Amino acid sequence: MDFQRARNEEQKSIRRDQIIEATLKLYEREPLEKITLASIANELNFSRANLYKYVSTKEEIFLWILISDLEEWVQKTYDKLKKYDKLELKTFCHLWAEQLYQNQRLLKLFSVLISVLKSNVTTNSLEILKKDLSNGFYKLNLIVKKFIPDLSLDQLKLFNEYQIYYAISLYSPAVSAKNQIQEFQTVELLDAPPDFVSRFAEYIEIIILGFHSKN
């Protein structure tokens, strides 16, 4: 695309979306560590100097994508569950697990977040990330509270922490083994690959029941 400097907020937002789209195209083909600002600029047909007018590091773009995917997960979860007045705990947990699994890129991004934060992230970007994560999980808490109203604020915070940590640890083996089911079936000594939705739903049900036992 021909480069023209964005002059207002709407144009800057469009340019940011273009940068995100180009980065995601690269991310589909290669790991984050191999992506550079030069390769992103090349994908956009920009010079690197022009790209620097909008972003200073590739890690900053990564954080944009992470927050965008988090907001999408929150909105889709809200849209899926808003039609229900009440849900049994098992049903709630299963629906919750399904919504998270449908946003697999978010799980992939969370899995490398720590390494990104240890690299080239500015203090300002980190503060924005903290604020955006806080807002996203606050909205998630409102959804959880609707169906599990007796959880305290501290328990909701722990619920968010526990679910993300476990989702990250479960996601990689579940997805990497997805195309190996036949192999697992023919080799009896090997365990079957984990099913993300059912395993994750069981996990968060246990967490919530544990909270209830302490109330």
N, C-alpha and C. Protein backbone atom coordinates (compact mmCIF):
# COMPACT_ATOMS: atom_id res chain seq x y z
N MET A 1 0.85 -1.19 0.00
CA MET A 1 0.00 0.00 0.00
C MET A 1 0.88 1.24 0.00
N ASP A 2 0.43 2.33 -0.60
CA ASP A 2 1.17 3.58 -0.59
C ASP A 2 1.07 4.21 0.78
N PHE A 3 2.21 4.69 1.29
CA PHE A 3 2.21 5.28 2.63
C PHE A 3 1.76 6.74 2.58
N GLN A 4 0.78 7.05 3.43
CA GLN A 4 0.37 8.43 3.66
C GLN A 4 0.23 8.62 5.16
N ARG A 5 0.85 9.64 5.68
CA ARG A 5 0.87 9.86 7.13
C ARG A 5 -0.55 10.11 7.65
N ALA A 6 -0.93 9.36 8.70
CA ALA A 6 -2.24 9.56 9.32
C ALA A 6 -2.26 10.91 10.03
N ARG A 7 -3.36 11.65 9.86
CA ARG A 7 -3.42 13.01 10.40
C ARG A 7 -4.40 13.15 11.56
N ASN A 8 -5.33 12.24 11.72
CA ASN A 8 -6.29 12.34 12.81
C ASN A 8 -6.44 10.98 13.49
N GLU A 9 -7.23 10.93 14.54
CA GLU A 9 -7.35 9.70 15.32
C GLU A 9 -7.97 8.56 14.51
N GLU A 10 -8.94 8.88 13.67
CA GLU A 10 -9.55 7.85 12.84
C GLU A 10 -8.54 7.24 11.89
N GLN A 11 -7.74 8.09 11.26
CA GLN A 11 -6.71 7.59 10.35
C GLN A 11 -5.65 6.79 11.09
N LYS A 12 -5.31 7.23 12.31
CA LYS A 12 -4.33 6.49 13.11
C LYS A 12 -4.86 5.12 13.50
N SER A 13 -6.15 5.06 13.80
CA SER A 13 -6.76 3.78 14.14
C SER A 13 -6.73 2.83 12.95
N ILE A 14 -7.02 3.35 11.77
CA ILE A 14 -6.96 2.55 10.55
C ILE A 14 -5.54 2.05 10.31
N ARG A 15 -4.56 2.94 10.49
CA ARG A 15 -3.17 2.55 10.29
C ARG A 15 -2.76 1.48 11.30
N ARG A 16 -3.21 1.61 12.54
CA ARG A 16 -2.90 0.61 13.56
C ARG A 16 -3.48 -0.75 13.17
N ASP A 17 -4.73 -0.76 12.68
CA ASP A 17 -5.35 -2.01 12.24
C ASP A 17 -4.57 -2.64 11.09
N GLN A 18 -4.06 -1.80 10.20
CA GLN A 18 -3.26 -2.32 9.08
C GLN A 18 -1.97 -2.95 9.58
N ILE A 19 -1.35 -2.33 10.57
CA ILE A 19 -0.11 -2.87 11.15
C ILE A 19 -0.39 -4.20 11.85
N ILE A 20 -1.48 -4.26 12.58
CA ILE A 20 -1.86 -5.50 13.26
C ILE A 20 -2.11 -6.61 12.25
N GLU A 21 -2.85 -6.30 11.19
CA GLU A 21 -3.18 -7.30 10.17
C GLU A 21 -1.91 -7.84 9.51
N ALA A 22 -0.98 -6.95 9.21
CA ALA A 22 0.27 -7.37 8.58
C ALA A 22 1.08 -8.25 9.52
N THR A 23 1.12 -7.88 10.79
CA THR A 23 1.87 -8.66 11.78
C THR A 23 1.25 -10.05 11.95
N LEU A 24 -0.07 -10.11 11.96
CA LEU A 24 -0.75 -11.39 12.11
C LEU A 24 -0.49 -12.31 10.92
N LYS A 25 -0.40 -11.75 9.74
CA LYS A 25 -0.08 -12.55 8.56
C LYS A 25 1.29 -13.19 8.72
N LEU A 26 2.23 -12.42 9.23
CA LEU A 26 3.57 -12.95 9.47
C LEU A 26 3.55 -13.99 10.59
N TYR A 27 2.75 -13.71 11.62
CA TYR A 27 2.69 -14.60 12.78
C TYR A 27 2.09 -15.96 12.43
N GLU A 28 1.28 -16.00 11.38
CA GLU A 28 0.73 -17.27 10.91
C GLU A 28 1.79 -18.14 10.25
N ARG A 29 2.87 -17.49 9.77
CA ARG A 29 3.90 -18.21 9.02
C ARG A 29 5.15 -18.49 9.84
N GLU A 30 5.40 -17.69 10.87
CA GLU A 30 6.65 -17.86 11.62
C GLU A 30 6.48 -17.39 13.05
N PRO A 31 7.35 -17.88 13.96
CA PRO A 31 7.23 -17.50 15.37
C PRO A 31 7.58 -16.03 15.59
N LEU A 32 7.13 -15.52 16.74
CA LEU A 32 7.31 -14.10 17.04
C LEU A 32 8.76 -13.67 16.99
N GLU A 33 9.65 -14.52 17.50
CA GLU A 33 11.06 -14.11 17.58
C GLU A 33 11.69 -13.88 16.21
N LYS A 34 11.09 -14.43 15.16
CA LYS A 34 11.64 -14.23 13.82
C LYS A 34 11.03 -13.03 13.10
N ILE A 35 9.99 -12.48 13.68
CA ILE A 35 9.36 -11.30 13.08
C ILE A 35 10.12 -10.05 13.50
N THR A 36 10.35 -9.17 12.57
CA THR A 36 11.03 -7.91 12.86
C THR A 36 10.20 -6.75 12.35
N LEU A 37 10.54 -5.55 12.82
CA LEU A 37 9.87 -4.37 12.28
C LEU A 37 10.12 -4.23 10.79
N ALA A 38 11.31 -4.65 10.35
CA ALA A 38 11.63 -4.59 8.93
C ALA A 38 10.71 -5.51 8.12
N SER A 39 10.45 -6.71 8.64
CA SER A 39 9.57 -7.64 7.91
C SER A 39 8.13 -7.16 7.94
N ILE A 40 7.72 -6.52 9.04
CA ILE A 40 6.37 -5.95 9.12
C ILE A 40 6.23 -4.80 8.12
N ALA A 41 7.23 -3.93 8.08
CA ALA A 41 7.21 -2.81 7.13
C ALA A 41 7.17 -3.32 5.70
N ASN A 42 7.92 -4.38 5.43
CA ASN A 42 7.92 -4.96 4.09
C ASN A 42 6.55 -5.53 3.72
N GLU A 43 5.89 -6.15 4.69
CA GLU A 43 4.55 -6.69 4.46
C GLU A 43 3.56 -5.58 4.12
N LEU A 44 3.79 -4.40 4.70
CA LEU A 44 2.92 -3.25 4.49
C LEU A 44 3.34 -2.40 3.30
N ASN A 45 4.51 -2.71 2.72
CA ASN A 45 5.11 -1.85 1.69
C ASN A 45 5.42 -0.46 2.24
N PHE A 46 5.80 -0.41 3.52
CA PHE A 46 6.25 0.82 4.16
C PHE A 46 7.77 0.77 4.27
N SER A 47 8.36 1.93 4.47
CA SER A 47 9.74 1.94 4.93
C SER A 47 9.71 1.74 6.44
N ARG A 48 10.82 1.27 7.00
CA ARG A 48 10.86 1.09 8.44
C ARG A 48 10.73 2.44 9.15
N ALA A 49 11.24 3.48 8.56
CA ALA A 49 11.13 4.82 9.15
C ALA A 49 9.67 5.24 9.26
N ASN A 50 8.87 4.92 8.25
CA ASN A 50 7.44 5.25 8.31
C ASN A 50 6.72 4.42 9.36
N LEU A 51 7.11 3.16 9.50
CA LEU A 51 6.50 2.32 10.52
C LEU A 51 6.79 2.86 11.92
N TYR A 52 7.99 3.39 12.11
CA TYR A 52 8.38 3.95 13.41
C TYR A 52 7.53 5.15 13.81
N LYS A 53 6.82 5.73 12.87
CA LYS A 53 5.93 6.84 13.20
C LYS A 53 4.74 6.38 14.04
N TYR A 54 4.47 5.05 14.03
CA TYR A 54 3.30 4.52 14.74
C TYR A 54 3.65 3.53 15.86
N VAL A 55 4.79 2.92 15.76
CA VAL A 55 5.16 1.90 16.74
C VAL A 55 6.68 1.86 16.88
N SER A 56 7.15 1.58 18.09
CA SER A 56 8.59 1.59 18.32
C SER A 56 9.20 0.20 18.39
N THR A 57 8.39 -0.82 18.73
CA THR A 57 8.90 -2.19 18.81
C THR A 57 7.83 -3.16 18.32
N LYS A 58 8.26 -4.35 17.92
CA LYS A 58 7.30 -5.39 17.52
C LYS A 58 6.52 -5.88 18.73
N GLU A 59 7.14 -5.81 19.92
CA GLU A 59 6.46 -6.24 21.13
C GLU A 59 5.24 -5.37 21.42
N GLU A 60 5.33 -4.09 21.08
CA GLU A 60 4.19 -3.19 21.25
C GLU A 60 3.02 -3.65 20.39
N ILE A 61 3.31 -4.09 19.18
CA ILE A 61 2.26 -4.60 18.30
C ILE A 61 1.67 -5.87 18.88
N PHE A 62 2.52 -6.74 19.42
CA PHE A 62 2.06 -7.96 20.07
C PHE A 62 1.04 -7.64 21.16
N LEU A 63 1.32 -6.63 21.97
CA LEU A 63 0.42 -6.25 23.05
C LEU A 63 -0.90 -5.71 22.50
N TRP A 64 -0.85 -4.98 21.39
CA TRP A 64 -2.08 -4.52 20.75
C TRP A 64 -2.95 -5.73 20.39
N ILE A 65 -2.33 -6.74 19.78
CA ILE A 65 -3.07 -7.92 19.33
C ILE A 65 -3.64 -8.67 20.53
N LEU A 66 -2.84 -8.80 21.58
CA LEU A 66 -3.29 -9.50 22.79
C LEU A 66 -4.54 -8.85 23.37
N ILE A 67 -4.51 -7.55 23.52
CA ILE A 67 -5.65 -6.85 24.11
C ILE A 67 -6.86 -6.91 23.19
N SER A 68 -6.64 -6.81 21.89
CA SER A 68 -7.74 -6.90 20.94
C SER A 68 -8.41 -8.28 21.02
N ASP A 69 -7.60 -9.32 21.13
CA ASP A 69 -8.15 -10.68 21.24
C ASP A 69 -8.83 -10.89 22.58
N LEU A 70 -8.30 -10.28 23.65
CA LEU A 70 -8.94 -10.37 24.95
C LEU A 70 -10.32 -9.73 24.91
N GLU A 71 -10.41 -8.56 24.30
CA GLU A 71 -11.70 -7.87 24.19
C GLU A 71 -12.69 -8.69 23.37
N GLU A 72 -12.19 -9.35 22.32
CA GLU A 72 -13.06 -10.19 21.50
C GLU A 72 -13.57 -11.39 22.30
N TRP A 73 -12.70 -12.01 23.09
CA TRP A 73 -13.10 -13.14 23.93
C TRP A 73 -14.17 -12.71 24.94
N VAL A 74 -13.95 -11.56 25.58
CA VAL A 74 -14.92 -11.06 26.56
C VAL A 74 -16.27 -10.82 25.90
N GLN A 75 -16.26 -10.17 24.74
CA GLN A 75 -17.52 -9.84 24.06
C GLN A 75 -18.25 -11.10 23.60
N LYS A 76 -17.51 -12.05 23.03
CA LYS A 76 -18.15 -13.28 22.56
C LYS A 76 -18.70 -14.09 23.72
N THR A 77 -17.99 -14.10 24.84
CA THR A 77 -18.47 -14.82 26.02
C THR A 77 -19.74 -14.17 26.55
N TYR A 78 -19.73 -12.84 26.59
CA TYR A 78 -20.93 -12.11 27.03
C TYR A 78 -22.11 -12.41 26.11
N ASP A 79 -21.88 -12.35 24.80
CA ASP A 79 -22.96 -12.58 23.83
C ASP A 79 -23.50 -14.00 23.94
N LYS A 80 -22.62 -14.95 24.21
CA LYS A 80 -23.05 -16.36 24.32
C LYS A 80 -23.89 -16.59 25.57
N LEU A 81 -23.52 -15.96 26.68
CA LEU A 81 -24.15 -16.27 27.96
C LEU A 81 -25.29 -15.32 28.35
N LYS A 82 -25.42 -14.19 27.67
CA LYS A 82 -26.40 -13.19 28.10
C LYS A 82 -27.84 -13.68 27.97
N LYS A 83 -28.08 -14.67 27.11
CA LYS A 83 -29.44 -15.15 26.91
C LYS A 83 -29.92 -16.06 28.04
N TYR A 84 -28.99 -16.47 28.91
CA TYR A 84 -29.36 -17.36 30.01
C TYR A 84 -29.58 -16.56 31.29
N ASP A 85 -30.62 -16.91 32.02
CA ASP A 85 -30.84 -16.32 33.34
C ASP A 85 -30.10 -17.09 34.42
N LYS A 86 -30.14 -18.42 34.30
CA LYS A 86 -29.44 -19.28 35.24
C LYS A 86 -28.81 -20.44 34.47
N LEU A 87 -27.72 -20.97 35.04
CA LEU A 87 -27.07 -22.13 34.46
C LEU A 87 -26.59 -23.04 35.58
N GLU A 88 -26.72 -24.34 35.39
CA GLU A 88 -26.08 -25.26 36.30
C GLU A 88 -24.57 -25.10 36.18
N LEU A 89 -23.86 -25.40 37.25
CA LEU A 89 -22.41 -25.15 37.27
C LEU A 89 -21.71 -25.89 36.14
N LYS A 90 -22.03 -27.15 35.92
CA LYS A 90 -21.38 -27.91 34.86
C LYS A 90 -21.62 -27.29 33.49
N THR A 91 -22.84 -26.84 33.26
CA THR A 91 -23.16 -26.22 31.97
C THR A 91 -22.41 -24.91 31.80
N PHE A 92 -22.38 -24.11 32.86
CA PHE A 92 -21.63 -22.85 32.81
C PHE A 92 -20.18 -23.11 32.47
N CYS A 93 -19.56 -24.05 33.15
CA CYS A 93 -18.14 -24.34 32.95
C CYS A 93 -17.87 -24.83 31.53
N HIS A 94 -18.78 -25.64 31.01
CA HIS A 94 -18.60 -26.15 29.64
C HIS A 94 -18.72 -25.02 28.62
N LEU A 95 -19.72 -24.18 28.77
CA LEU A 95 -19.87 -23.06 27.84
C LEU A 95 -18.68 -22.11 27.93
N TRP A 96 -18.19 -21.89 29.14
CA TRP A 96 -17.03 -21.01 29.34
C TRP A 96 -15.80 -21.58 28.65
N ALA A 97 -15.59 -22.88 28.80
CA ALA A 97 -14.45 -23.54 28.17
C ALA A 97 -14.54 -23.48 26.65
N GLU A 98 -15.74 -23.67 26.13
CA GLU A 98 -15.93 -23.59 24.67
C GLU A 98 -15.57 -22.22 24.14
N GLN A 99 -15.99 -21.17 24.84
CA GLN A 99 -15.71 -19.81 24.36
C GLN A 99 -14.21 -19.51 24.38
N LEU A 100 -13.54 -19.98 25.41
CA LEU A 100 -12.10 -19.75 25.46
C LEU A 100 -11.39 -20.50 24.34
N TYR A 101 -11.80 -21.73 24.11
CA TYR A 101 -11.14 -22.54 23.08
C TYR A 101 -11.38 -21.99 21.67
N GLN A 102 -12.48 -21.29 21.49
CA GLN A 102 -12.75 -20.69 20.19
C GLN A 102 -11.86 -19.47 19.93
N ASN A 103 -11.19 -19.01 20.95
CA ASN A 103 -10.25 -17.88 20.80
C ASN A 103 -8.83 -18.39 21.05
N GLN A 104 -8.42 -19.33 20.20
CA GLN A 104 -7.15 -20.03 20.42
C GLN A 104 -5.94 -19.12 20.27
N ARG A 105 -6.04 -18.11 19.43
CA ARG A 105 -4.87 -17.23 19.28
C ARG A 105 -4.58 -16.51 20.58
N LEU A 106 -5.63 -16.18 21.34
CA LEU A 106 -5.43 -15.53 22.64
C LEU A 106 -4.62 -16.44 23.56
N LEU A 107 -4.93 -17.73 23.57
CA LEU A 107 -4.18 -18.68 24.39
C LEU A 107 -2.73 -18.74 23.94
N LYS A 108 -2.52 -18.73 22.65
CA LYS A 108 -1.16 -18.76 22.12
C LYS A 108 -0.40 -17.50 22.52
N LEU A 109 -1.06 -16.36 22.47
CA LEU A 109 -0.42 -15.10 22.83
C LEU A 109 -0.10 -15.05 24.32
N PHE A 110 -1.04 -15.50 25.15
CA PHE A 110 -0.79 -15.54 26.59
C PHE A 110 0.39 -16.44 26.92
N SER A 111 0.57 -17.51 26.15
CA SER A 111 1.64 -18.47 26.43
C SER A 111 3.03 -17.87 26.24
N VAL A 112 3.14 -16.81 25.44
CA VAL A 112 4.45 -16.18 25.22
C VAL A 112 4.52 -14.77 25.83
N LEU A 113 3.51 -14.40 26.58
CA LEU A 113 3.45 -13.04 27.12
C LEU A 113 4.64 -12.73 28.03
N ILE A 114 5.00 -13.65 28.90
CA ILE A 114 6.08 -13.40 29.84
C ILE A 114 7.39 -13.11 29.11
N SER A 115 7.68 -13.91 28.09
CA SER A 115 8.92 -13.68 27.34
C SER A 115 8.90 -12.34 26.61
N VAL A 116 7.72 -11.93 26.16
CA VAL A 116 7.58 -10.62 25.51
C VAL A 116 7.85 -9.49 26.50
N LEU A 117 7.27 -9.62 27.70
CA LEU A 117 7.43 -8.57 28.70
C LEU A 117 8.87 -8.44 29.18
N LYS A 118 9.64 -9.52 29.07
CA LYS A 118 11.04 -9.48 29.48
C LYS A 118 11.93 -8.87 28.41
N SER A 119 11.37 -8.63 27.23
CA SER A 119 12.18 -8.10 26.14
C SER A 119 11.99 -6.61 25.98
N ASN A 120 11.56 -6.18 24.82
CA ASN A 120 11.61 -4.76 24.48
C ASN A 120 10.24 -4.10 24.65
N VAL A 121 9.82 -3.91 25.90
CA VAL A 121 8.52 -3.30 26.19
C VAL A 121 8.74 -2.03 27.01
N THR A 122 8.18 -0.93 26.55
CA THR A 122 8.35 0.34 27.25
C THR A 122 7.49 0.39 28.50
N THR A 123 7.85 1.27 29.43
CA THR A 123 7.07 1.44 30.65
C THR A 123 5.65 1.89 30.32
N ASN A 124 5.51 2.76 29.36
CA ASN A 124 4.19 3.25 28.97
C ASN A 124 3.33 2.11 28.41
N SER A 125 3.92 1.26 27.56
CA SER A 125 3.19 0.13 27.01
C SER A 125 2.76 -0.83 28.10
N LEU A 126 3.63 -1.01 29.09
CA LEU A 126 3.32 -1.91 30.19
C LEU A 126 2.16 -1.38 31.03
N GLU A 127 2.14 -0.08 31.26
CA GLU A 127 1.04 0.53 32.03
C GLU A 127 -0.28 0.42 31.28
N ILE A 128 -0.23 0.63 29.98
CA ILE A 128 -1.45 0.48 29.16
C ILE A 128 -1.94 -0.96 29.19
N LEU A 129 -0.99 -1.91 29.12
CA LEU A 129 -1.36 -3.32 29.17
C LEU A 129 -2.04 -3.66 30.49
N LYS A 130 -1.48 -3.20 31.59
CA LYS A 130 -2.07 -3.48 32.91
C LYS A 130 -3.50 -2.94 32.99
N LYS A 131 -3.69 -1.73 32.49
CA LYS A 131 -5.02 -1.12 32.51
C LYS A 131 -6.00 -1.91 31.65
N ASP A 132 -5.58 -2.28 30.45
CA ASP A 132 -6.46 -3.00 29.53
C ASP A 132 -6.78 -4.40 30.04
N LEU A 133 -5.79 -5.08 30.62
CA LEU A 133 -6.05 -6.40 31.20
C LEU A 133 -7.02 -6.30 32.36
N SER A 134 -6.83 -5.28 33.19
CA SER A 134 -7.72 -5.07 34.34
C SER A 134 -9.16 -4.84 33.87
N ASN A 135 -9.33 -4.01 32.83
CA ASN A 135 -10.66 -3.74 32.30
C ASN A 135 -11.30 -5.00 31.71
N GLY A 136 -10.49 -5.78 30.98
CA GLY A 136 -11.01 -6.98 30.36
C GLY A 136 -11.47 -8.00 31.38
N PHE A 137 -10.66 -8.23 32.41
CA PHE A 137 -11.02 -9.22 33.41
C PHE A 137 -12.13 -8.72 34.33
N TYR A 138 -12.24 -7.41 34.49
CA TYR A 138 -13.37 -6.86 35.24
C TYR A 138 -14.69 -7.20 34.55
N LYS A 139 -14.71 -7.06 33.24
CA LYS A 139 -15.91 -7.38 32.47
C LYS A 139 -16.21 -8.88 32.54
N LEU A 140 -15.16 -9.70 32.52
CA LEU A 140 -15.36 -11.14 32.68
C LEU A 140 -15.95 -11.46 34.04
N ASN A 141 -15.47 -10.74 35.06
CA ASN A 141 -15.98 -10.97 36.42
C ASN A 141 -17.48 -10.70 36.51
N LEU A 142 -17.95 -9.70 35.78
CA LEU A 142 -19.38 -9.40 35.78
C LEU A 142 -20.18 -10.56 35.22
N ILE A 143 -19.62 -11.22 34.20
CA ILE A 143 -20.30 -12.37 33.61
C ILE A 143 -20.33 -13.52 34.61
N VAL A 144 -19.18 -13.79 35.24
CA VAL A 144 -19.11 -14.89 36.21
C VAL A 144 -20.07 -14.63 37.37
N LYS A 145 -20.10 -13.38 37.84
CA LYS A 145 -20.93 -13.01 38.99
C LYS A 145 -22.42 -13.27 38.73
N LYS A 146 -22.83 -13.14 37.48
CA LYS A 146 -24.24 -13.36 37.15
C LYS A 146 -24.67 -14.78 37.47
N PHE A 147 -23.78 -15.74 37.21
CA PHE A 147 -24.14 -17.14 37.37
C PHE A 147 -23.60 -17.75 38.67
N ILE A 148 -22.56 -17.13 39.23
CA ILE A 148 -21.99 -17.62 40.49
C ILE A 148 -21.86 -16.41 41.42
N PRO A 149 -22.96 -15.90 41.93
CA PRO A 149 -22.98 -14.62 42.64
C PRO A 149 -22.27 -14.61 43.99
N ASP A 150 -22.02 -15.79 44.57
CA ASP A 150 -21.45 -15.80 45.91
C ASP A 150 -19.92 -15.75 45.92
N LEU A 151 -19.27 -15.64 44.77
CA LEU A 151 -17.82 -15.51 44.75
C LEU A 151 -17.41 -14.10 45.17
N SER A 152 -16.40 -14.01 46.00
CA SER A 152 -15.91 -12.71 46.44
C SER A 152 -15.00 -12.12 45.38
N LEU A 153 -14.63 -10.85 45.56
CA LEU A 153 -13.73 -10.20 44.62
C LEU A 153 -12.37 -10.89 44.58
N ASP A 154 -11.88 -11.29 45.75
CA ASP A 154 -10.61 -12.01 45.80
C ASP A 154 -10.70 -13.35 45.08
N GLN A 155 -11.82 -14.04 45.23
CA GLN A 155 -11.99 -15.33 44.56
C GLN A 155 -12.12 -15.16 43.05
N LEU A 156 -12.77 -14.10 42.62
CA LEU A 156 -12.86 -13.82 41.19
C LEU A 156 -11.47 -13.54 40.60
N LYS A 157 -10.66 -12.82 41.35
CA LYS A 157 -9.30 -12.53 40.90
C LYS A 157 -8.51 -13.83 40.76
N LEU A 158 -8.63 -14.70 41.77
CA LEU A 158 -7.94 -15.99 41.71
C LEU A 158 -8.48 -16.86 40.57
N PHE A 159 -9.78 -16.80 40.35
CA PHE A 159 -10.39 -17.55 39.25
C PHE A 159 -9.75 -17.15 37.92
N ASN A 160 -9.58 -15.85 37.71
CA ASN A 160 -8.96 -15.37 36.47
C ASN A 160 -7.52 -15.86 36.35
N GLU A 161 -6.78 -15.78 37.44
CA GLU A 161 -5.38 -16.21 37.41
C GLU A 161 -5.27 -17.70 37.15
N TYR A 162 -6.04 -18.48 37.90
CA TYR A 162 -5.97 -19.94 37.77
C TYR A 162 -6.37 -20.40 36.37
N GLN A 163 -7.45 -19.82 35.83
CA GLN A 163 -7.93 -20.30 34.54
C GLN A 163 -6.94 -20.00 33.43
N ILE A 164 -6.30 -18.83 33.48
CA ILE A 164 -5.34 -18.49 32.43
C ILE A 164 -4.11 -19.38 32.51
N TYR A 165 -3.58 -19.57 33.72
CA TYR A 165 -2.40 -20.42 33.86
C TYR A 165 -2.67 -21.84 33.39
N TYR A 166 -3.82 -22.38 33.77
CA TYR A 166 -4.12 -23.75 33.37
C TYR A 166 -4.42 -23.83 31.88
N ALA A 167 -5.12 -22.85 31.35
CA ALA A 167 -5.44 -22.84 29.91
C ALA A 167 -4.16 -22.86 29.08
N ILE A 168 -3.16 -22.09 29.51
CA ILE A 168 -1.89 -22.05 28.79
C ILE A 168 -1.21 -23.41 28.83
N SER A 169 -1.18 -24.02 30.02
CA SER A 169 -0.50 -25.31 30.16
C SER A 169 -1.23 -26.42 29.43
N LEU A 170 -2.54 -26.32 29.30
CA LEU A 170 -3.34 -27.35 28.64
C LEU A 170 -3.39 -27.16 27.14
N TYR A 171 -3.34 -25.92 26.69
CA TYR A 171 -3.56 -25.62 25.28
C TYR A 171 -2.53 -26.28 24.36
N SER A 172 -1.26 -26.13 24.67
CA SER A 172 -0.21 -26.64 23.78
C SER A 172 -0.30 -28.14 23.56
N PRO A 173 -0.35 -28.98 24.61
CA PRO A 173 -0.48 -30.43 24.35
C PRO A 173 -1.78 -30.81 23.68
N ALA A 174 -2.86 -30.09 24.00
CA ALA A 174 -4.15 -30.42 23.40
C ALA A 174 -4.13 -30.17 21.90
N VAL A 175 -3.55 -29.04 21.49
CA VAL A 175 -3.55 -28.68 20.07
C VAL A 175 -2.49 -29.45 19.30
N SER A 176 -1.31 -29.60 19.88
CA SER A 176 -0.23 -30.31 19.18
C SER A 176 -0.58 -31.77 18.94
N ALA A 177 -1.42 -32.33 19.82
CA ALA A 177 -1.80 -33.74 19.69
C ALA A 177 -3.05 -33.93 18.85
N LYS A 178 -3.67 -32.84 18.45
CA LYS A 178 -4.96 -32.92 17.76
C LYS A 178 -4.88 -33.79 16.51
N ASN A 179 -3.78 -33.67 15.78
CA ASN A 179 -3.64 -34.41 14.53
C ASN A 179 -2.96 -35.77 14.72
N GLN A 180 -2.79 -36.17 15.98
CA GLN A 180 -2.12 -37.44 16.26
C GLN A 180 -3.07 -38.45 16.89
N ILE A 181 -4.37 -38.23 16.81
CA ILE A 181 -5.33 -39.10 17.49
C ILE A 181 -5.20 -40.54 17.02
N GLN A 182 -5.07 -40.75 15.70
CA GLN A 182 -4.97 -42.10 15.19
C GLN A 182 -3.73 -42.80 15.73
N GLU A 183 -2.64 -42.05 15.82
CA GLU A 183 -1.41 -42.63 16.35
C GLU A 183 -1.59 -43.04 17.80
N PHE A 184 -2.25 -42.22 18.58
CA PHE A 184 -2.49 -42.54 19.98
C PHE A 184 -3.39 -43.77 20.12
N GLN A 185 -4.32 -43.91 19.21
CA GLN A 185 -5.25 -45.04 19.27
C GLN A 185 -4.56 -46.36 18.94
N THR A 186 -3.54 -46.31 18.08
CA THR A 186 -2.88 -47.54 17.66
C THR A 186 -1.74 -47.93 18.59
N VAL A 187 -1.27 -47.02 19.40
CA VAL A 187 -0.21 -47.33 20.36
C VAL A 187 -0.82 -47.30 21.75
N GLU A 188 -1.13 -48.47 22.30
CA GLU A 188 -1.92 -48.55 23.51
C GLU A 188 -1.22 -47.95 24.73
N LEU A 189 0.10 -47.91 24.71
CA LEU A 189 0.82 -47.44 25.88
C LEU A 189 0.78 -45.92 26.02
N LEU A 190 0.42 -45.24 24.96
CA LEU A 190 0.38 -43.79 25.00
C LEU A 190 -0.98 -43.30 25.49
N ASP A 191 -0.95 -42.24 26.30
CA ASP A 191 -2.20 -41.63 26.74
C ASP A 191 -2.85 -40.90 25.58
N ALA A 192 -4.17 -40.85 25.59
CA ALA A 192 -4.88 -40.09 24.57
C ALA A 192 -4.61 -38.61 24.75
N PRO A 193 -4.57 -37.85 23.66
CA PRO A 193 -4.35 -36.41 23.79
C PRO A 193 -5.47 -35.76 24.57
N PRO A 194 -5.16 -34.76 25.38
CA PRO A 194 -6.21 -34.13 26.19
C PRO A 194 -7.20 -33.36 25.34
N ASP A 195 -8.46 -33.46 25.69
CA ASP A 195 -9.49 -32.66 25.05
C ASP A 195 -9.62 -31.36 25.83
N PHE A 196 -9.33 -30.24 25.18
CA PHE A 196 -9.23 -28.98 25.90
C PHE A 196 -10.53 -28.62 26.59
N VAL A 197 -11.64 -28.64 25.88
CA VAL A 197 -12.91 -28.14 26.42
C VAL A 197 -13.34 -28.94 27.65
N SER A 198 -13.36 -30.26 27.53
CA SER A 198 -13.83 -31.07 28.66
C SER A 198 -12.88 -30.98 29.85
N ARG A 199 -11.56 -31.01 29.58
CA ARG A 199 -10.58 -30.95 30.67
C ARG A 199 -10.61 -29.59 31.36
N PHE A 200 -10.72 -28.53 30.57
CA PHE A 200 -10.73 -27.18 31.14
C PHE A 200 -12.02 -26.94 31.92
N ALA A 201 -13.14 -27.43 31.39
CA ALA A 201 -14.41 -27.28 32.10
C ALA A 201 -14.37 -27.99 33.45
N GLU A 202 -13.78 -29.19 33.48
CA GLU A 202 -13.65 -29.91 34.75
C GLU A 202 -12.79 -29.14 35.74
N TYR A 203 -11.73 -28.55 35.23
CA TYR A 203 -10.80 -27.81 36.10
C TYR A 203 -11.47 -26.61 36.75
N ILE A 204 -12.15 -25.78 35.95
CA ILE A 204 -12.74 -24.58 36.55
C ILE A 204 -13.92 -24.93 37.45
N GLU A 205 -14.58 -26.07 37.18
CA GLU A 205 -15.64 -26.52 38.09
C GLU A 205 -15.04 -26.86 39.45
N ILE A 206 -13.90 -27.54 39.44
CA ILE A 206 -13.23 -27.88 40.70
C ILE A 206 -12.82 -26.62 41.45
N ILE A 207 -12.30 -25.63 40.71
CA ILE A 207 -11.89 -24.37 41.34
C ILE A 207 -13.08 -23.69 42.00
N ILE A 208 -14.18 -23.60 41.30
CA ILE A 208 -15.37 -22.91 41.84
C ILE A 208 -15.94 -23.67 43.04
N LEU A 209 -15.98 -24.99 42.96
CA LEU A 209 -16.46 -25.79 44.09
C LEU A 209 -15.55 -25.61 45.30
N GLY A 210 -14.25 -25.48 45.04
CA GLY A 210 -13.31 -25.23 46.12
C GLY A 210 -13.56 -23.89 46.79
N PHE A 211 -13.88 -22.88 45.99
CA PHE A 211 -14.23 -21.57 46.55
C PHE A 211 -15.48 -21.68 47.41
N HIS A 212 -16.47 -22.43 46.92
CA HIS A 212 -17.73 -22.57 47.67
C HIS A 212 -17.49 -23.24 49.02
N SER A 213 -16.58 -24.19 49.05
CA SER A 213 -16.34 -24.89 50.32
C SER A 213 -15.71 -24.00 51.38
N LYS A 214 -15.08 -22.91 50.93
CA LYS A 214 -14.44 -21.99 51.86
C LYS A 214 -15.37 -20.85 52.29
N ASN A 215 -16.49 -20.71 51.60
CA ASN A 215 -17.42 -19.63 51.92
C ASN A 215 -18.27 -19.95 53.16
